Amino acid sequence: MKTKLKDSGPKRGRPTGPATKRINTRFPKGLAERIEYAAALRGLAVAAFIQEAVAERADRVIEAESRWELTREEAAKIAALVSKPPKVNKKALDAAKLAARNVVIRS
């Protein structure tokens, strides 16, 4: 007599939630083997391991590109410009008018 195994939910390490977008990629054989090995060491499915690694890297890139890193001299120059901005000239006024016509600010 066969017994029905109880469904214990999703397999460990499977990505959770519905997939909304698919990104296909190919890996060199050596890299694919390293990924599979690392995922196995963590007890994760390969897809979950890749998602986790890529998400961490994407967060680091976004954070790094979201702020400026200035030298002390560059920071001093910006502080000086902010504290005493140059007088508005004709080119600046023309640029502001052009921006007002062509730029849409969304809230």
C-alpha atoms as a PDB file:
ATOM      1  CA  MET A   1       0.000   0.000   0.000  1.00  0.00           C
ATOM      2  CA  LYS A   2       1.392   3.345  -1.015  1.00  0.00           C
ATOM      3  CA  THR A   3       1.287   6.174   1.457  1.00  0.00           C
ATOM      4  CA  LYS A   4       0.891   9.703   0.284  1.00  0.00           C
ATOM      5  CA  LEU A   5       3.659  11.977   1.440  1.00  0.00           C
ATOM      6  CA  LYS A   6       2.536  15.117   3.146  1.00  0.00           C
ATOM      7  CA  ASP A   7       3.412  18.272   1.208  1.00  0.00           C
ATOM      8  CA  SER A   8       5.723  20.263   3.440  1.00  0.00           C
ATOM      9  CA  GLY A   9       5.452  23.450   1.369  1.00  0.00           C
ATOM     10  CA  PRO A  10       8.099  24.885  -0.904  1.00  0.00           C
ATOM     11  CA  LYS A  11      11.488  23.251  -1.052  1.00  0.00           C
ATOM     12  CA  ARG A  12      14.154  24.838   1.079  1.00  0.00           C
ATOM     13  CA  GLY A  13      15.924  27.648  -0.696  1.00  0.00           C
ATOM     14  CA  ARG A  14      13.348  28.090  -3.428  1.00  0.00           C
ATOM     15  CA  PRO A  15      12.604  31.674  -4.424  1.00  0.00           C
ATOM     16  CA  THR A  16       9.415  32.839  -2.754  1.00  0.00           C
ATOM     17  CA  GLY A  17       6.571  34.718  -4.363  1.00  0.00           C
ATOM     18  CA  PRO A  18       5.461  34.697  -7.962  1.00  0.00           C
ATOM     19  CA  ALA A  19       8.055  35.253 -10.632  1.00  0.00           C
ATOM     20  CA  THR A  20       7.175  38.385 -12.556  1.00  0.00           C
ATOM     21  CA  LYS A  21      10.128  38.696 -14.904  1.00  0.00           C
ATOM     22  CA  ARG A  22      12.562  36.242 -16.385  1.00  0.00           C
ATOM     23  CA  ILE A  23      16.205  37.020 -17.138  1.00  0.00           C
ATOM     24  CA  ASN A  24      18.023  34.322 -19.055  1.00  0.00           C
ATOM     25  CA  THR A  25      21.770  34.044 -18.848  1.00  0.00           C
ATOM     26  CA  ARG A  26      24.444  31.507 -19.626  1.00  0.00           C
ATOM     27  CA  PHE A  27      27.456  30.832 -17.453  1.00  0.00           C
ATOM     28  CA  PRO A  28      30.821  29.371 -18.397  1.00  0.00           C
ATOM     29  CA  LYS A  29      31.039  25.757 -17.243  1.00  0.00           C
ATOM     30  CA  GLY A  30      33.543  26.473 -14.469  1.00  0.00           C
ATOM     31  CA  LEU A  31      31.469  29.311 -13.039  1.00  0.00           C
ATOM     32  CA  ALA A  32      28.259  27.285 -13.237  1.00  0.00           C
ATOM     33  CA  GLU A  33      29.920  24.480 -11.283  1.00  0.00           C
ATOM     34  CA  ARG A  34      31.141  26.937  -8.620  1.00  0.00           C
ATOM     35  CA  ILE A  35      27.640  28.415  -8.322  1.00  0.00           C
ATOM     36  CA  GLU A  36      26.083  24.962  -7.959  1.00  0.00           C
ATOM     37  CA  TYR A  37      28.657  23.978  -5.349  1.00  0.00           C
ATOM     38  CA  ALA A  38      28.193  27.197  -3.354  1.00  0.00           C
ATOM     39  CA  ALA A  39      24.398  26.840  -3.472  1.00  0.00           C
ATOM     40  CA  ALA A  40      24.698  23.249  -2.235  1.00  0.00           C
ATOM     41  CA  LEU A  41      26.948  24.375   0.634  1.00  0.00           C
ATOM     42  CA  ARG A  42      24.244  26.830   1.696  1.00  0.00           C
ATOM     43  CA  GLY A  43      21.460  24.304   1.162  1.00  0.00           C
ATOM     44  CA  LEU A  44      19.791  26.537  -1.413  1.00  0.00           C
ATOM     45  CA  ALA A  45      18.379  25.992  -4.844  1.00  0.00           C
ATOM     46  CA  VAL A  46      20.662  27.420  -7.520  1.00  0.00           C
ATOM     47  CA  ALA A  47      18.025  29.983  -8.544  1.00  0.00           C
ATOM     48  CA  ALA A  48      17.626  31.199  -4.948  1.00  0.00           C
ATOM     49  CA  PHE A  49      21.394  31.398  -4.525  1.00  0.00           C
ATOM     50  CA  ILE A  50      21.785  33.421  -7.730  1.00  0.00           C
ATOM     51  CA  GLN A  51      18.907  35.741  -6.797  1.00  0.00           C
ATOM     52  CA  GLU A  52      20.409  36.394  -3.377  1.00  0.00           C
ATOM     53  CA  ALA A  53      23.901  37.059  -4.752  1.00  0.00           C
ATOM     54  CA  VAL A  54      22.679  39.299  -7.557  1.00  0.00           C
ATOM     55  CA  ALA A  55      20.383  41.251  -5.214  1.00  0.00           C
ATOM     56  CA  GLU A  56      23.278  41.918  -2.818  1.00  0.00           C
ATOM     57  CA  ARG A  57      25.524  43.086  -5.659  1.00  0.00           C
ATOM     58  CA  ALA A  58      22.771  45.266  -7.163  1.00  0.00           C
ATOM     59  CA  ASP A  59      22.208  46.933  -3.776  1.00  0.00           C
ATOM     60  CA  ARG A  60      25.946  47.689  -3.476  1.00  0.00           C
ATOM     61  CA  VAL A  61      26.094  49.184  -6.979  1.00  0.00           C
ATOM     62  CA  ILE A  62      22.973  51.300  -6.436  1.00  0.00           C
ATOM     63  CA  GLU A  63      24.318  52.568  -3.106  1.00  0.00           C
ATOM     64  CA  ALA A  64      27.727  53.389  -4.595  1.00  0.00           C
ATOM     65  CA  GLU A  65      26.218  55.231  -7.566  1.00  0.00           C
ATOM     66  CA  SER A  66      23.639  57.105  -5.474  1.00  0.00           C
ATOM     67  CA  ARG A  67      26.104  59.347  -3.699  1.00  0.00           C
ATOM     68  CA  TRP A  68      29.160  61.347  -4.510  1.00  0.00           C
ATOM     69  CA  GLU A  69      32.554  60.797  -3.009  1.00  0.00           C
ATOM     70  CA  LEU A  70      34.493  64.044  -2.981  1.00  0.00           C
ATOM     71  CA  THR A  71      37.972  65.020  -1.962  1.00  0.00           C
ATOM     72  CA  ARG A  72      38.256  67.688   0.731  1.00  0.00           C
ATOM     73  CA  GLU A  73      39.138  70.245  -1.947  1.00  0.00           C
ATOM     74  CA  GLU A  74      36.091  69.359  -4.074  1.00  0.00           C
ATOM     75  CA  ALA A  75      33.808  69.516  -1.040  1.00  0.00           C
ATOM     76  CA  ALA A  76      35.246  72.927  -0.118  1.00  0.00           C
ATOM     77  CA  LYS A  77      34.612  74.247  -3.646  1.00  0.00           C
ATOM     78  CA  ILE A  78      30.986  73.076  -3.556  1.00  0.00           C
ATOM     79  CA  ALA A  79      30.485  74.567  -0.082  1.00  0.00           C
ATOM     80  CA  ALA A  80      31.882  77.876  -1.337  1.00  0.00           C
ATOM     81  CA  LEU A  81      29.550  77.870  -4.357  1.00  0.00           C
ATOM     82  CA  VAL A  82      26.529  77.091  -2.210  1.00  0.00           C
ATOM     83  CA  SER A  83      27.363  79.742   0.371  1.00  0.00           C
ATOM     84  CA  LYS A  84      28.030  82.427  -2.264  1.00  0.00           C
ATOM     85  CA  PRO A  85      26.492  81.454  -5.625  1.00  0.00           C
ATOM     86  CA  PRO A  86      27.572  83.299  -8.779  1.00  0.00           C
ATOM     87  CA  LYS A  87      25.294  86.001 -10.212  1.00  0.00           C
ATOM     88  CA  VAL A  88      22.716  84.840 -12.728  1.00  0.00           C
ATOM     89  CA  ASN A  89      23.722  85.719 -16.299  1.00  0.00           C
ATOM     90  CA  LYS A  90      21.889  85.562 -19.635  1.00  0.00           C
ATOM     91  CA  LYS A  91      22.999  81.972 -20.380  1.00  0.00           C
ATOM     92  CA  ALA A  92      21.665  80.799 -17.025  1.00  0.00           C
ATOM     93  CA  LEU A  93      18.324  82.551 -17.637  1.00  0.00           C
ATOM     94  CA  ASP A  94      18.059  81.029 -21.125  1.00  0.00           C
ATOM     95  CA  ALA A  95      18.833  77.576 -19.714  1.00  0.00           C
ATOM     96  CA  ALA A  96      16.155  77.997 -17.035  1.00  0.00           C
ATOM     97  CA  LYS A  97      13.569  79.035 -19.662  1.00  0.00           C
ATOM     98  CA  LEU A  98      14.491  76.068 -21.851  1.00  0.00           C
ATOM     99  CA  ALA A  99      14.194  73.707 -18.889  1.00  0.00           C
ATOM    100  CA  ALA A 100      10.819  75.182 -17.936  1.00  0.00           C
ATOM    101  CA  ARG A 101       9.507  74.440 -21.436  1.00  0.00           C
ATOM    102  CA  ASN A 102      10.943  70.932 -21.789  1.00  0.00           C
ATOM    103  CA  VAL A 103      11.204  69.395 -18.328  1.00  0.00           C
ATOM    104  CA  VAL A 104       8.234  67.804 -16.598  1.00  0.00           C
ATOM    105  CA  ILE A 105       8.512  67.532 -12.837  1.00  0.00           C
ATOM    106  CA  ARG A 106       6.450  64.677 -11.415  1.00  0.00           C
ATOM    107  CA  SER A 107       5.512  64.433  -7.799  1.00  0.00           C
END
